[in-house]
Amino acid sequence: MTASAVAAPPGRSPRRRFRDWWQARTPRSDTLLLTQRNVYILPTRAGLLFCLTLVVLLLASINYQLNLGYLLTFVLAGAGIASMHQTHATLRGLTLHLQPVPAAHAGDAAPLSVVLTTPGAARFGIGLRLQSASASTLTWIDVPAGGQATARLSFVPPRRGLHEVPALVAETRFPLGLFRAWAYWRPAAQVLAYPQAEAPPPGLPATSATPGGPAVARAGQGAEFDGIRAYRRGDARKLVVWKKAARALEGGGELVSREAGGTAHLQLWLAWEQCGDAAGEARLSRLAAWVLAAHRAGVDFGLRLPDLEIAPAQGDVHRRACLEALALWR
């Protein structure tokens, strides 16, 4: 390595230099084995008070020549040393593995599932949290002997796009709380954040007719229904898709009605130009709300963005493809 590669750029603060050194020491990985090298330990506030108490007991025993005082002091000191060893051993040897992280909407919590595995004795009182979060957000878990346990955390992506999973902290104060052992972990996984859906969701755009093609559904009295659109006041009851009504209302969506026609096949297109004068991110939020509403309604819909078009379809795979396109659009 050359001297220029080692030298730090001028103007960097000591804190930034330490962070860069620490990140180089802990490369990103979705699986981490805790060893002697990456588990740290320090006394807690209670541990410091315990040490101060031992010093006072020792001085008093020396001053008054108390044999029982010596005995009590050294017994307590031995218990403290054993506690330190047990606290460090609670983390040492554990394996942490981050399961695949599902996508989430910006501003919503993305669930993180961490599997803890121990090859030997049971581990108790292990806490996990995001490094940027406070200690009050720790998720506590015990790992059975020779088994696994899953800890569930959450991360809120602030905006759409791909985000790195933030660094995690695993810690314990077991058994006496005199020492705190901890380890830092930088997962390599990324979280895909969809645009935050506009709320309340706006009405779906009108369907467009294309010549030919089979009708989507047929009514009993000879009328043909080629598509589905948002419910309009005054629509006949027989046009309302009642099978979709309950699901739409439970999901916060909207009622939809069948649209009659003769020979045209109606398609629902969700296009960038249909969002009016909204700004770029606001348009993406509206399109995301339309994608969710059209999916809940169970209709075929397509997505049109500048330089991108997704053909009409339906289902979970199509919904995810449309939301992913919105999340990664530039």
C-alpha atoms as a PDB file:
ATOM      1  CA  MET A   1       0.000   0.000   0.000  1.00  0.00           C
ATOM      2  CA  THR A   2       1.419   3.390  -0.979  1.00  0.00           C
ATOM      3  CA  ALA A   3       1.843   6.301   1.375  1.00  0.00           C
ATOM      4  CA  SER A   4      -0.772   8.296  -0.546  1.00  0.00           C
ATOM      5  CA  ALA A   5      -3.338   5.562   0.066  1.00  0.00           C
ATOM      6  CA  VAL A   6      -2.615   5.563   3.798  1.00  0.00           C
ATOM      7  CA  ALA A   7      -2.528   9.295   4.270  1.00  0.00           C
ATOM      8  CA  ALA A   8      -5.841  10.794   5.279  1.00  0.00           C
ATOM      9  CA  PRO A   9      -7.301  13.651   3.239  1.00  0.00           C
ATOM     10  CA  PRO A  10      -6.652  17.011   4.911  1.00  0.00           C
ATOM     11  CA  GLY A  11      -9.433  18.550   6.941  1.00  0.00           C
ATOM     12  CA  ARG A  12     -10.983  15.304   8.237  1.00  0.00           C
ATOM     13  CA  SER A  13     -11.923  15.360  11.885  1.00  0.00           C
ATOM     14  CA  PRO A  14     -10.502  12.753  14.287  1.00  0.00           C
ATOM     15  CA  ARG A  15     -14.010  11.350  14.692  1.00  0.00           C
ATOM     16  CA  ARG A  16     -14.316  10.849  10.918  1.00  0.00           C
ATOM     17  CA  ARG A  17     -10.874   9.219  10.792  1.00  0.00           C
ATOM     18  CA  PHE A  18     -11.803   6.852  13.602  1.00  0.00           C
ATOM     19  CA  ARG A  19     -15.073   5.965  11.834  1.00  0.00           C
ATOM     20  CA  ASP A  20     -13.243   5.243   8.570  1.00  0.00           C
ATOM     21  CA  TRP A  21     -10.738   3.073  10.431  1.00  0.00           C
ATOM     22  CA  TRP A  22     -13.529   1.212  12.200  1.00  0.00           C
ATOM     23  CA  GLN A  23     -15.466   0.623   8.965  1.00  0.00           C
ATOM     24  CA  ALA A  24     -12.325  -0.768   7.318  1.00  0.00           C
ATOM     25  CA  ARG A  25     -11.906  -3.097  10.299  1.00  0.00           C
ATOM     26  CA  THR A  26     -15.534  -4.326  10.102  1.00  0.00           C
ATOM     27  CA  PRO A  27     -16.435  -5.108   6.454  1.00  0.00           C
ATOM     28  CA  ARG A  28     -20.080  -5.555   5.556  1.00  0.00           C
ATOM     29  CA  SER A  29     -21.471  -9.082   5.753  1.00  0.00           C
ATOM     30  CA  ASP A  30     -24.904 -10.600   6.336  1.00  0.00           C
ATOM     31  CA  THR A  31     -23.355 -13.211   8.664  1.00  0.00           C
ATOM     32  CA  LEU A  32     -21.110 -12.371  11.602  1.00  0.00           C
ATOM     33  CA  LEU A  33     -19.294 -14.714  13.990  1.00  0.00           C
ATOM     34  CA  LEU A  34     -18.552 -13.046  17.328  1.00  0.00           C
ATOM     35  CA  THR A  35     -15.011 -13.801  18.474  1.00  0.00           C
ATOM     36  CA  GLN A  36     -12.368 -12.410  20.813  1.00  0.00           C
ATOM     37  CA  ARG A  37     -11.484  -9.804  18.172  1.00  0.00           C
ATOM     38  CA  ASN A  38     -14.883  -8.161  17.725  1.00  0.00           C
ATOM     39  CA  VAL A  39     -16.469  -8.373  21.190  1.00  0.00           C
ATOM     40  CA  TYR A  40     -15.699  -5.449  23.508  1.00  0.00           C
ATOM     41  CA  ILE A  41     -16.336  -5.124  27.244  1.00  0.00           C
ATOM     42  CA  LEU A  42     -16.308  -2.311  29.797  1.00  0.00           C
ATOM     43  CA  PRO A  43     -17.706  -1.903  33.312  1.00  0.00           C
ATOM     44  CA  THR A  44     -21.126  -0.329  33.663  1.00  0.00           C
ATOM     45  CA  ARG A  45     -21.952   2.410  36.146  1.00  0.00           C
ATOM     46  CA  ALA A  46     -22.978  -0.280  38.605  1.00  0.00           C
ATOM     47  CA  GLY A  47     -19.665  -2.015  37.932  1.00  0.00           C
ATOM     48  CA  LEU A  48     -17.700   1.147  38.708  1.00  0.00           C
ATOM     49  CA  LEU A  49     -19.601   1.589  41.975  1.00  0.00           C
ATOM     50  CA  PHE A  50     -18.884  -2.063  42.747  1.00  0.00           C
ATOM     51  CA  CYS A  51     -15.145  -1.484  42.212  1.00  0.00           C
ATOM     52  CA  LEU A  52     -15.263   1.604  44.430  1.00  0.00           C
ATOM     53  CA  THR A  53     -16.984  -0.437  47.143  1.00  0.00           C
ATOM     54  CA  LEU A  54     -14.244  -3.065  46.946  1.00  0.00           C
ATOM     55  CA  VAL A  55     -11.577  -0.387  47.379  1.00  0.00           C
ATOM     56  CA  VAL A  56     -13.361   1.007  50.430  1.00  0.00           C
ATOM     57  CA  LEU A  57     -13.717  -2.488  51.936  1.00  0.00           C
ATOM     58  CA  LEU A  58     -10.060  -3.228  51.309  1.00  0.00           C
ATOM     59  CA  LEU A  59      -8.890   0.039  52.921  1.00  0.00           C
ATOM     60  CA  ALA A  60     -11.143  -0.542  55.909  1.00  0.00           C
ATOM     61  CA  SER A  61      -9.885  -4.100  56.320  1.00  0.00           C
ATOM     62  CA  ILE A  62      -6.264  -2.906  56.182  1.00  0.00           C
ATOM     63  CA  ASN A  63      -6.901  -0.065  58.641  1.00  0.00           C
ATOM     64  CA  TYR A  64      -8.744  -2.189  61.201  1.00  0.00           C
ATOM     65  CA  GLN A  65      -6.977  -5.492  60.483  1.00  0.00           C
ATOM     66  CA  LEU A  66     -10.263  -7.307  59.803  1.00  0.00           C
ATOM     67  CA  ASN A  67      -9.694 -10.819  58.550  1.00  0.00           C
ATOM     68  CA  LEU A  68     -13.373 -11.244  57.711  1.00  0.00           C
ATOM     69  CA  GLY A  69     -13.163  -7.950  55.834  1.00  0.00           C
ATOM     70  CA  TYR A  70     -10.338  -9.346  53.710  1.00  0.00           C
ATOM     71  CA  LEU A  71     -12.393 -12.469  53.080  1.00  0.00           C
ATOM     72  CA  LEU A  72     -15.468 -10.497  52.046  1.00  0.00           C
ATOM     73  CA  THR A  73     -13.441  -8.204  49.790  1.00  0.00           C
ATOM     74  CA  PHE A  74     -11.693 -11.020  47.906  1.00  0.00           C
ATOM     75  CA  VAL A  75     -14.877 -13.095  47.600  1.00  0.00           C
ATOM     76  CA  LEU A  76     -16.698 -10.139  46.064  1.00  0.00           C
ATOM     77  CA  ALA A  77     -13.727  -9.405  43.795  1.00  0.00           C
ATOM     78  CA  GLY A  78     -13.697 -13.014  42.618  1.00  0.00           C
ATOM     79  CA  ALA A  79     -17.430 -12.835  41.903  1.00  0.00           C
ATOM     80  CA  GLY A  80     -16.846  -9.677  39.866  1.00  0.00           C
ATOM     81  CA  ILE A  81     -14.074 -11.289  37.823  1.00  0.00           C
ATOM     82  CA  ALA A  82     -16.235 -14.353  37.173  1.00  0.00           C
ATOM     83  CA  SER A  83     -19.078 -12.037  36.129  1.00  0.00           C
ATOM     84  CA  MET A  84     -16.775 -10.264  33.655  1.00  0.00           C
ATOM     85  CA  HIS A  85     -15.744 -13.572  32.118  1.00  0.00           C
ATOM     86  CA  GLN A  86     -19.375 -14.745  31.871  1.00  0.00           C
ATOM     87  CA  THR A  87     -20.538 -11.472  30.314  1.00  0.00           C
ATOM     88  CA  HIS A  88     -17.911 -11.673  27.570  1.00  0.00           C
ATOM     89  CA  ALA A  89     -18.585 -15.387  26.996  1.00  0.00           C
ATOM     90  CA  THR A  90     -22.305 -14.699  26.512  1.00  0.00           C
ATOM     91  CA  LEU A  91     -21.548 -13.044  23.162  1.00  0.00           C
ATOM     92  CA  ARG A  92     -18.355 -14.852  22.200  1.00  0.00           C
ATOM     93  CA  GLY A  93     -19.093 -17.744  19.826  1.00  0.00           C
ATOM     94  CA  LEU A  94     -22.522 -16.506  18.716  1.00  0.00           C
ATOM     95  CA  THR A  95     -23.319 -16.338  14.988  1.00  0.00           C
ATOM     96  CA  LEU A  96     -25.583 -13.550  13.741  1.00  0.00           C
ATOM     97  CA  HIS A  97     -27.330 -13.901  10.371  1.00  0.00           C
ATOM     98  CA  LEU A  98     -29.613 -11.330   8.741  1.00  0.00           C
ATOM     99  CA  GLN A  99     -32.448 -12.849   6.716  1.00  0.00           C
ATOM    100  CA  PRO A 100     -33.510 -11.224   3.395  1.00  0.00           C
ATOM    101  CA  VAL A 101     -35.140  -7.861   4.062  1.00  0.00           C
ATOM    102  CA  PRO A 102     -38.530  -7.296   2.352  1.00  0.00           C
ATOM    103  CA  ALA A 103     -39.223  -4.018   0.592  1.00  0.00           C
ATOM    104  CA  ALA A 104     -41.219  -1.320   2.359  1.00  0.00           C
ATOM    105  CA  HIS A 105     -42.685   2.083   1.579  1.00  0.00           C
ATOM    106  CA  ALA A 106     -40.687   5.160   2.532  1.00  0.00           C
ATOM    107  CA  GLY A 107     -41.642   6.218   6.031  1.00  0.00           C
ATOM    108  CA  ASP A 108     -42.879   2.730   6.964  1.00  0.00           C
ATOM    109  CA  ALA A 109     -40.941   0.239   9.066  1.00  0.00           C
ATOM    110  CA  ALA A 110     -38.955  -2.393   7.169  1.00  0.00           C
ATOM    111  CA  PRO A 111     -38.726  -5.542   9.333  1.00  0.00           C
ATOM    112  CA  LEU A 112     -35.275  -6.954  10.085  1.00  0.00           C
ATOM    113  CA  SER A 113     -35.048 -10.595  11.218  1.00  0.00           C
ATOM    114  CA  VAL A 114     -31.751 -11.591  12.828  1.00  0.00           C
ATOM    115  CA  VAL A 115     -31.107 -15.278  13.569  1.00  0.00           C
ATOM    116  CA  LEU A 116     -28.779 -15.932  16.515  1.00  0.00           C
ATOM    117  CA  THR A 117     -27.120 -19.355  16.670  1.00  0.00           C
ATOM    118  CA  THR A 118     -25.064 -20.826  19.490  1.00  0.00           C
ATOM    119  CA  PRO A 119     -23.076 -24.055  19.105  1.00  0.00           C
ATOM    120  CA  GLY A 120     -22.793 -24.664  22.839  1.00  0.00           C
ATOM    121  CA  ALA A 121     -24.417 -23.501  26.074  1.00  0.00           C
ATOM    122  CA  ALA A 122     -27.537 -21.364  26.236  1.00  0.00           C
ATOM    123  CA  ARG A 123     -27.123 -17.583  26.063  1.00  0.00           C
ATOM    124  CA  PHE A 124     -29.307 -15.239  28.108  1.00  0.00           C
ATOM    125  CA  GLY A 125     -30.056 -11.529  28.104  1.00  0.00           C
ATOM    126  CA  ILE A 126     -28.830 -10.596  24.615  1.00  0.00           C
ATOM    127  CA  GLY A 127     -30.042  -7.280  23.248  1.00  0.00           C
ATOM    128  CA  LEU A 128     -30.058  -6.053  19.623  1.00  0.00           C
ATOM    129  CA  ARG A 129     -30.644  -2.535  18.345  1.00  0.00           C
ATOM    130  CA  LEU A 130     -29.731  -0.169  15.540  1.00  0.00           C
ATOM    131  CA  GLN A 131     -26.483   1.621  16.262  1.00  0.00           C
ATOM    132  CA  SER A 132     -28.184   4.997  15.767  1.00  0.00           C
ATOM    133  CA  ALA A 133     -31.044   4.120  18.143  1.00  0.00           C
ATOM    134  CA  SER A 134     -31.086   4.595  21.898  1.00  0.00           C
ATOM    135  CA  ALA A 135     -30.537   1.803  24.405  1.00  0.00           C
ATOM    136  CA  SER A 136     -34.250   1.881  25.265  1.00  0.00           C
ATOM    137  CA  THR A 137     -35.024   0.307  21.863  1.00  0.00           C
ATOM    138  CA  LEU A 138     -33.103  -2.898  22.595  1.00  0.00           C
ATOM    139  CA  THR A 139     -34.809  -6.126  21.577  1.00  0.00           C
ATOM    140  CA  TRP A 140     -33.984  -8.749  24.220  1.00  0.00           C
ATOM    141  CA  ILE A 141     -33.728 -12.429  23.424  1.00  0.00           C
ATOM    142  CA  ASP A 142     -32.419 -15.719  24.866  1.00  0.00           C
ATOM    143  CA  VAL A 143     -30.806 -18.409  22.711  1.00  0.00           C
ATOM    144  CA  PRO A 144     -31.315 -22.057  23.731  1.00  0.00           C
ATOM    145  CA  ALA A 145     -28.342 -24.406  24.048  1.00  0.00           C
ATOM    146  CA  GLY A 146     -27.193 -25.641  20.643  1.00  0.00           C
ATOM    147  CA  GLY A 147     -30.121 -23.903  18.960  1.00  0.00           C
ATOM    148  CA  GLN A 148     -31.327 -20.723  17.302  1.00  0.00           C
ATOM    149  CA  ALA A 149     -33.513 -17.759  18.133  1.00  0.00           C
ATOM    150  CA  THR A 150     -34.824 -14.939  15.947  1.00  0.00           C
ATOM    151  CA  ALA A 151     -34.783 -11.297  17.005  1.00  0.00           C
ATOM    152  CA  ARG A 152     -37.011  -8.862  15.132  1.00  0.00           C
ATOM    153  CA  LEU A 153     -36.100  -5.224  14.659  1.00  0.00           C
ATOM    154  CA  SER A 154     -37.258  -2.537  12.252  1.00  0.00           C
ATOM    155  CA  PHE A 155     -35.657   0.144  10.120  1.00  0.00           C
ATOM    156  CA  VAL A 156     -37.547   3.111   8.667  1.00  0.00           C
ATOM    157  CA  PRO A 157     -36.162   4.193   5.263  1.00  0.00           C
ATOM    158  CA  PRO A 158     -36.545   7.978   5.023  1.00  0.00           C
ATOM    159  CA  ARG A 159     -37.036   8.149   1.256  1.00  0.00           C
ATOM    160  CA  ARG A 160     -37.535   5.919  -1.768  1.00  0.00           C
ATOM    161  CA  GLY A 161     -34.697   3.975  -3.361  1.00  0.00           C
ATOM    162  CA  LEU A 162     -32.104   1.485  -2.178  1.00  0.00           C
ATOM    163  CA  HIS A 163     -30.791   1.889   1.373  1.00  0.00           C
ATOM    164  CA  GLU A 164     -28.060   0.045   3.191  1.00  0.00           C
ATOM    165  CA  VAL A 165     -29.166  -1.658   6.372  1.00  0.00           C
ATOM    166  CA  PRO A 166     -27.724   0.469   9.195  1.00  0.00           C
ATOM    167  CA  ALA A 167     -25.131  -0.930  11.570  1.00  0.00           C
ATOM    168  CA  LEU A 168     -26.473  -3.058  14.417  1.00  0.00           C
ATOM    169  CA  VAL A 169     -25.262  -3.474  17.984  1.00  0.00           C
ATOM    170  CA  ALA A 170     -25.467  -6.727  19.961  1.00  0.00           C
ATOM    171  CA  GLU A 171     -24.889  -6.364  23.687  1.00  0.00           C
ATOM    172  CA  THR A 172     -25.382  -8.081  27.025  1.00  0.00           C
ATOM    173  CA  ARG A 173     -24.969  -7.348  30.742  1.00  0.00           C
ATOM    174  CA  PHE A 174     -25.674 -10.866  31.887  1.00  0.00           C
ATOM    175  CA  PRO A 175     -25.364 -12.098  34.632  1.00  0.00           C
ATOM    176  CA  LEU A 176     -24.890  -9.334  37.246  1.00  0.00           C
ATOM    177  CA  GLY A 177     -24.985  -6.147  35.191  1.00  0.00           C
ATOM    178  CA  LEU A 178     -21.490  -5.131  36.338  1.00  0.00           C
ATOM    179  CA  PHE A 179     -20.045  -5.246  32.807  1.00  0.00           C
ATOM    180  CA  ARG A 180     -21.389  -4.502  29.353  1.00  0.00           C
ATOM    181  CA  ALA A 181     -20.126  -6.547  26.410  1.00  0.00           C
ATOM    182  CA  TRP A 182     -21.037  -5.453  22.913  1.00  0.00           C
ATOM    183  CA  ALA A 183     -20.230  -5.999  19.246  1.00  0.00           C
ATOM    184  CA  TYR A 184     -20.840  -3.895  16.128  1.00  0.00           C
ATOM    185  CA  TRP A 185     -22.223  -5.430  12.956  1.00  0.00           C
ATOM    186  CA  ARG A 186     -22.526  -3.898   9.487  1.00  0.00           C
ATOM    187  CA  PRO A 187     -24.869  -6.050   7.336  1.00  0.00           C
ATOM    188  CA  ALA A 188     -24.362  -6.070   3.581  1.00  0.00           C
ATOM    189  CA  ALA A 189     -28.089  -6.285   2.744  1.00  0.00           C
ATOM    190  CA  GLN A 190     -30.004  -3.411   1.199  1.00  0.00           C
ATOM    191  CA  VAL A 191     -33.596  -2.300   1.683  1.00  0.00           C
ATOM    192  CA  LEU A 192     -35.695  -1.245  -1.300  1.00  0.00           C
ATOM    193  CA  ALA A 193     -38.035   1.592  -0.311  1.00  0.00           C
ATOM    194  CA  TYR A 194     -41.085   2.206  -2.493  1.00  0.00           C
ATOM    195  CA  PRO A 195     -42.452   5.763  -2.778  1.00  0.00           C
ATOM    196  CA  GLN A 196     -44.749   6.695   0.057  1.00  0.00           C
ATOM    197  CA  ALA A 197     -48.310   6.264  -1.213  1.00  0.00           C
ATOM    198  CA  GLU A 198     -50.381   9.441  -1.332  1.00  0.00           C
ATOM    199  CA  ALA A 199     -53.008   9.567   1.405  1.00  0.00           C
ATOM    200  CA  PRO A 200     -55.922   9.740   1.071  1.00  0.00           C
ATOM    201  CA  PRO A 201     -55.583   7.791  -2.197  1.00  0.00           C
ATOM    202  CA  PRO A 202     -56.919   9.710  -5.213  1.00  0.00           C
ATOM    203  CA  GLY A 203     -59.485   8.215  -7.593  1.00  0.00           C
ATOM    204  CA  LEU A 204     -58.192   5.911 -10.298  1.00  0.00           C
ATOM    205  CA  PRO A 205     -57.841   7.405 -13.784  1.00  0.00           C
ATOM    206  CA  ALA A 206     -60.409   6.589 -16.435  1.00  0.00           C
ATOM    207  CA  THR A 207     -59.848   3.483 -18.525  1.00  0.00           C
ATOM    208  CA  SER A 208     -58.928   3.781 -22.178  1.00  0.00           C
ATOM    209  CA  ALA A 209     -60.535   1.741 -24.968  1.00  0.00           C
ATOM    210  CA  THR A 210     -58.518  -0.239 -27.469  1.00  0.00           C
ATOM    211  CA  PRO A 211     -60.138  -1.823 -30.551  1.00  0.00           C
ATOM    212  CA  GLY A 212     -60.826  -5.550 -30.442  1.00  0.00           C
ATOM    213  CA  GLY A 213     -59.952  -7.975 -27.707  1.00  0.00           C
ATOM    214  CA  PRO A 214     -62.254 -10.050 -25.550  1.00  0.00           C
ATOM    215  CA  ALA A 215     -64.543  -8.430 -23.013  1.00  0.00           C
ATOM    216  CA  VAL A 216     -63.487  -8.817 -19.419  1.00  0.00           C
ATOM    217  CA  ALA A 217     -66.900  -9.902 -18.111  1.00  0.00           C
ATOM    218  CA  ARG A 218     -70.473 -10.250 -19.403  1.00  0.00           C
ATOM    219  CA  ALA A 219     -73.642  -9.283 -17.641  1.00  0.00           C
ATOM    220  CA  GLY A 220     -76.761 -11.411 -17.610  1.00  0.00           C
ATOM    221  CA  GLN A 221     -78.973  -9.224 -19.841  1.00  0.00           C
ATOM    222  CA  GLY A 222     -76.782  -8.962 -22.887  1.00  0.00           C
ATOM    223  CA  ALA A 223     -74.651  -6.048 -21.755  1.00  0.00           C
ATOM    224  CA  GLU A 224     -70.900  -6.424 -22.069  1.00  0.00           C
ATOM    225  CA  PHE A 225     -68.518  -5.159 -19.416  1.00  0.00           C
ATOM    226  CA  ASP A 226     -65.084  -4.467 -20.792  1.00  0.00           C
ATOM    227  CA  GLY A 227     -63.332  -2.878 -17.831  1.00  0.00           C
ATOM    228  CA  ILE A 228     -63.457  -1.589 -14.295  1.00  0.00           C
ATOM    229  CA  ARG A 229     -63.243   2.010 -13.204  1.00  0.00           C
ATOM    230  CA  ALA A 230     -63.581   4.024 -10.009  1.00  0.00           C
ATOM    231  CA  TYR A 231     -67.116   4.216  -8.599  1.00  0.00           C
ATOM    232  CA  ARG A 232     -69.060   7.323  -9.612  1.00  0.00           C
ATOM    233  CA  ARG A 233     -72.090   8.648  -7.780  1.00  0.00           C
ATOM    234  CA  GLY A 234     -75.193   7.536  -9.626  1.00  0.00           C
ATOM    235  CA  ASP A 235     -73.779   4.235 -10.899  1.00  0.00           C
ATOM    236  CA  ALA A 236     -76.361   1.433 -10.977  1.00  0.00           C
ATOM    237  CA  ARG A 237     -76.043  -1.111  -8.194  1.00  0.00           C
ATOM    238  CA  LYS A 238     -75.572  -3.943 -10.674  1.00  0.00           C
ATOM    239  CA  LEU A 239     -72.431  -2.213 -11.983  1.00  0.00           C
ATOM    240  CA  VAL A 240     -70.695  -2.182  -8.575  1.00  0.00           C
ATOM    241  CA  VAL A 241     -68.125  -4.961  -8.113  1.00  0.00           C
ATOM    242  CA  TRP A 242     -69.428  -6.145  -4.754  1.00  0.00           C
ATOM    243  CA  LYS A 243     -66.868  -8.947  -4.482  1.00  0.00           C
ATOM    244  CA  LYS A 244     -64.144  -6.318  -4.394  1.00  0.00           C
ATOM    245  CA  ALA A 245     -66.030  -3.884  -2.162  1.00  0.00           C
ATOM    246  CA  ALA A 246     -65.273  -5.505   1.200  1.00  0.00           C
ATOM    247  CA  ARG A 247     -61.578  -5.961   0.416  1.00  0.00           C
ATOM    248  CA  ALA A 248     -61.299  -2.394  -0.879  1.00  0.00           C
ATOM    249  CA  LEU A 249     -62.925  -0.916   2.216  1.00  0.00           C
ATOM    250  CA  GLU A 250     -60.783  -2.996   4.598  1.00  0.00           C
ATOM    251  CA  GLY A 251     -57.615  -1.884   2.825  1.00  0.00           C
ATOM    252  CA  GLY A 252     -58.634   1.757   2.774  1.00  0.00           C
ATOM    253  CA  GLY A 253     -59.260   1.661  -0.971  1.00  0.00           C
ATOM    254  CA  GLU A 254     -62.260   2.666  -3.031  1.00  0.00           C
ATOM    255  CA  LEU A 255     -65.309   1.128  -4.644  1.00  0.00           C
ATOM    256  CA  VAL A 256     -65.072   0.184  -8.302  1.00  0.00           C
ATOM    257  CA  SER A 257     -67.721  -0.260 -10.975  1.00  0.00           C
ATOM    258  CA  ARG A 258     -67.869  -2.238 -14.195  1.00  0.00           C
ATOM    259  CA  GLU A 259     -67.813  -0.183 -17.350  1.00  0.00           C
ATOM    260  CA  ALA A 260     -70.053  -1.314 -20.184  1.00  0.00           C
ATOM    261  CA  GLY A 261     -69.031  -1.344 -23.808  1.00  0.00           C
ATOM    262  CA  GLY A 262     -69.533  -3.193 -27.042  1.00  0.00           C
ATOM    263  CA  THR A 263     -66.476  -4.168 -29.018  1.00  0.00           C
ATOM    264  CA  ALA A 264     -63.664  -2.273 -27.293  1.00  0.00           C
ATOM    265  CA  HIS A 265     -61.343  -3.728 -24.689  1.00  0.00           C
ATOM    266  CA  LEU A 266     -60.718  -1.253 -21.866  1.00  0.00           C
ATOM    267  CA  GLN A 267     -57.305  -0.933 -20.254  1.00  0.00           C
ATOM    268  CA  LEU A 268     -56.280   0.976 -17.132  1.00  0.00           C
ATOM    269  CA  TRP A 269     -53.068   2.891 -17.628  1.00  0.00           C
ATOM    270  CA  LEU A 270     -51.345   4.712 -14.786  1.00  0.00           C
ATOM    271  CA  ALA A 271     -49.292   7.360 -16.521  1.00  0.00           C
ATOM    272  CA  TRP A 272     -46.926  10.111 -15.441  1.00  0.00           C
ATOM    273  CA  GLU A 273     -48.923  12.677 -17.414  1.00  0.00           C
ATOM    274  CA  GLN A 274     -52.133  11.882 -15.504  1.00  0.00           C
ATOM    275  CA  CYS A 275     -50.743  13.272 -12.235  1.00  0.00           C
ATOM    276  CA  GLY A 276     -51.465  16.904 -13.136  1.00  0.00           C
ATOM    277  CA  ASP A 277     -49.127  19.624 -11.946  1.00  0.00           C
ATOM    278  CA  ALA A 278     -47.682  17.683  -9.015  1.00  0.00           C
ATOM    279  CA  ALA A 279     -43.915  17.711  -8.494  1.00  0.00           C
ATOM    280  CA  GLY A 280     -41.742  14.708  -9.323  1.00  0.00           C
ATOM    281  CA  GLU A 281     -41.824  12.966  -5.934  1.00  0.00           C
ATOM    282  CA  ALA A 282     -45.503  13.834  -5.481  1.00  0.00           C
ATOM    283  CA  ARG A 283     -46.259  12.200  -8.836  1.00  0.00           C
ATOM    284  CA  LEU A 284     -44.449   9.059  -7.783  1.00  0.00           C
ATOM    285  CA  SER A 285     -46.445   8.995  -4.545  1.00  0.00           C
ATOM    286  CA  ARG A 286     -49.699   9.316  -6.478  1.00  0.00           C
ATOM    287  CA  LEU A 287     -48.705   6.590  -8.919  1.00  0.00           C
ATOM    288  CA  ALA A 288     -47.801   4.325  -5.993  1.00  0.00           C
ATOM    289  CA  ALA A 289     -51.247   4.927  -4.465  1.00  0.00           C
ATOM    290  CA  TRP A 290     -52.874   4.125  -7.829  1.00  0.00           C
ATOM    291  CA  VAL A 291     -50.843   0.917  -8.150  1.00  0.00           C
ATOM    292  CA  LEU A 292     -52.016  -0.247  -4.721  1.00  0.00           C
ATOM    293  CA  ALA A 293     -55.635   0.722  -5.436  1.00  0.00           C
ATOM    294  CA  ALA A 294     -55.674  -1.028  -8.808  1.00  0.00           C
ATOM    295  CA  HIS A 295     -54.107  -4.130  -7.275  1.00  0.00           C
ATOM    296  CA  ARG A 296     -56.718  -4.239  -4.517  1.00  0.00           C
ATOM    297  CA  ALA A 297     -59.446  -3.856  -7.129  1.00  0.00           C
ATOM    298  CA  GLY A 298     -58.069  -6.855  -9.024  1.00  0.00           C
ATOM    299  CA  VAL A 299     -57.949  -5.151 -12.431  1.00  0.00           C
ATOM    300  CA  ASP A 300     -55.355  -5.253 -15.210  1.00  0.00           C
ATOM    301  CA  PHE A 301     -53.277  -2.080 -15.164  1.00  0.00           C
ATOM    302  CA  GLY A 302     -50.139  -0.807 -16.807  1.00  0.00           C
ATOM    303  CA  LEU A 303     -47.587   1.804 -15.786  1.00  0.00           C
ATOM    304  CA  ARG A 304     -46.121   4.541 -17.982  1.00  0.00           C
ATOM    305  CA  LEU A 305     -43.152   6.612 -16.875  1.00  0.00           C
ATOM    306  CA  PRO A 306     -40.810   8.749 -18.941  1.00  0.00           C
ATOM    307  CA  ASP A 307     -38.630   6.248 -20.855  1.00  0.00           C
ATOM    308  CA  LEU A 308     -40.340   3.282 -19.177  1.00  0.00           C
ATOM    309  CA  GLU A 309     -43.538   1.298 -19.829  1.00  0.00           C
ATOM    310  CA  ILE A 310     -44.843  -1.813 -18.061  1.00  0.00           C
ATOM    311  CA  ALA A 311     -47.582  -3.670 -19.924  1.00  0.00           C
ATOM    312  CA  PRO A 312     -50.980  -4.173 -18.239  1.00  0.00           C
ATOM    313  CA  ALA A 313     -51.257  -7.199 -15.948  1.00  0.00           C
ATOM    314  CA  GLN A 314     -52.282  -8.010 -12.398  1.00  0.00           C
ATOM    315  CA  GLY A 315     -51.086  -9.982  -9.380  1.00  0.00           C
ATOM    316  CA  ASP A 316     -48.439  -9.604  -6.693  1.00  0.00           C
ATOM    317  CA  VAL A 317     -45.517  -9.977  -9.088  1.00  0.00           C
ATOM    318  CA  HIS A 318     -46.862  -7.209 -11.326  1.00  0.00           C
ATOM    319  CA  ARG A 319     -47.542  -4.963  -8.304  1.00  0.00           C
ATOM    320  CA  ARG A 320     -43.991  -5.417  -7.043  1.00  0.00           C
ATOM    321  CA  ALA A 321     -42.569  -4.742 -10.514  1.00  0.00           C
ATOM    322  CA  CYS A 322     -44.478  -1.469 -10.776  1.00  0.00           C
ATOM    323  CA  LEU A 323     -43.557  -0.322  -7.274  1.00  0.00           C
ATOM    324  CA  GLU A 324     -39.910  -1.241  -7.880  1.00  0.00           C
ATOM    325  CA  ALA A 325     -39.907   0.808 -11.064  1.00  0.00           C
ATOM    326  CA  LEU A 326     -41.282   3.778  -9.123  1.00  0.00           C
ATOM    327  CA  ALA A 327     -38.731   3.289  -6.341  1.00  0.00           C
ATOM    328  CA  LEU A 328     -35.732   3.231  -8.699  1.00  0.00           C
ATOM    329  CA  TRP A 329     -36.915   5.791 -11.246  1.00  0.00           C
ATOM    330  CA  ARG A 330     -34.508   8.649 -11.877  1.00  0.00           C
END
